[in-house]
Amino acid sequence: RETVAVLLGISKDEIPEIMHRCNYSDAFIQSANDLQIMDAISGCYEQYKVLKRN
């Protein structure tokens, strides 16, 4: 998860929070590899950034 965090400029601890906001299951969050995480997050990460700023 370190690679994903560095690429997105977030902390490793934020990844599960983003994934939950994107409606991914705990099972997926626990078992997905970094490439799967990046693919999954890419669809809703921009929205997460906007909401987090406000």
Protein backbone atom coordinates (compact mmCIF):
# COMPACT_ATOMS: atom_id res chain seq x y z
CA ARG A 1 0.00 0.00 0.00
CA GLU A 2 3.00 2.29 0.37
CA THR A 3 3.31 2.65 -3.40
CA VAL A 4 -0.35 3.62 -3.78
CA ALA A 5 -0.05 6.16 -0.95
CA VAL A 6 3.04 7.75 -2.50
CA LEU A 7 1.50 7.91 -5.98
CA LEU A 8 -1.68 9.54 -4.67
CA GLY A 9 0.03 11.77 -2.13
CA ILE A 10 -1.98 10.38 0.78
CA SER A 11 -1.20 8.44 3.93
CA LYS A 12 -1.41 4.67 3.88
CA ASP A 13 -4.15 4.94 6.53
CA GLU A 14 -6.40 6.90 4.16
CA ILE A 15 -6.62 4.09 1.60
CA PRO A 16 -9.28 2.05 3.44
CA GLU A 17 -11.31 5.23 4.07
CA ILE A 18 -11.27 6.08 0.37
CA MET A 19 -12.17 2.52 -0.55
CA HIS A 20 -15.13 2.52 1.84
CA ARG A 21 -16.37 5.82 0.38
CA CYS A 22 -16.16 4.16 -3.03
CA ASN A 23 -18.37 1.33 -1.71
CA TYR A 24 -15.78 -1.44 -1.90
CA SER A 25 -16.16 -4.35 0.51
CA ASP A 26 -13.83 -5.05 3.40
CA ALA A 27 -12.92 -8.34 1.73
CA PHE A 28 -11.82 -6.52 -1.44
CA ILE A 29 -9.91 -3.90 0.54
CA GLN A 30 -8.02 -6.58 2.47
CA SER A 31 -7.25 -8.83 -0.50
CA ALA A 32 -6.63 -6.42 -3.40
CA ASN A 33 -3.11 -5.80 -4.63
CA ASP A 34 -1.74 -2.31 -5.32
CA LEU A 35 -2.71 -2.38 -9.00
CA GLN A 36 -6.28 -3.37 -8.15
CA ILE A 37 -6.42 -0.63 -5.50
CA MET A 38 -5.19 2.01 -7.97
CA ASP A 39 -7.72 0.90 -10.56
CA ALA A 40 -10.55 0.90 -8.02
CA ILE A 41 -9.66 4.27 -6.50
CA SER A 42 -9.15 6.03 -9.84
CA GLY A 43 -12.89 6.29 -10.37
CA CYS A 44 -13.73 8.17 -7.19
CA TYR A 45 -10.49 9.59 -5.79
CA GLU A 46 -11.01 13.07 -7.26
CA GLN A 47 -14.40 13.29 -5.56
CA TYR A 48 -12.81 12.18 -2.28
CA LYS A 49 -10.19 14.95 -2.54
CA VAL A 50 -12.86 17.60 -3.09
CA LEU A 51 -14.97 16.39 -0.17
CA LYS A 52 -11.95 16.21 2.12
CA ARG A 53 -11.00 19.83 1.44
CA ASN A 54 -14.41 21.14 2.49
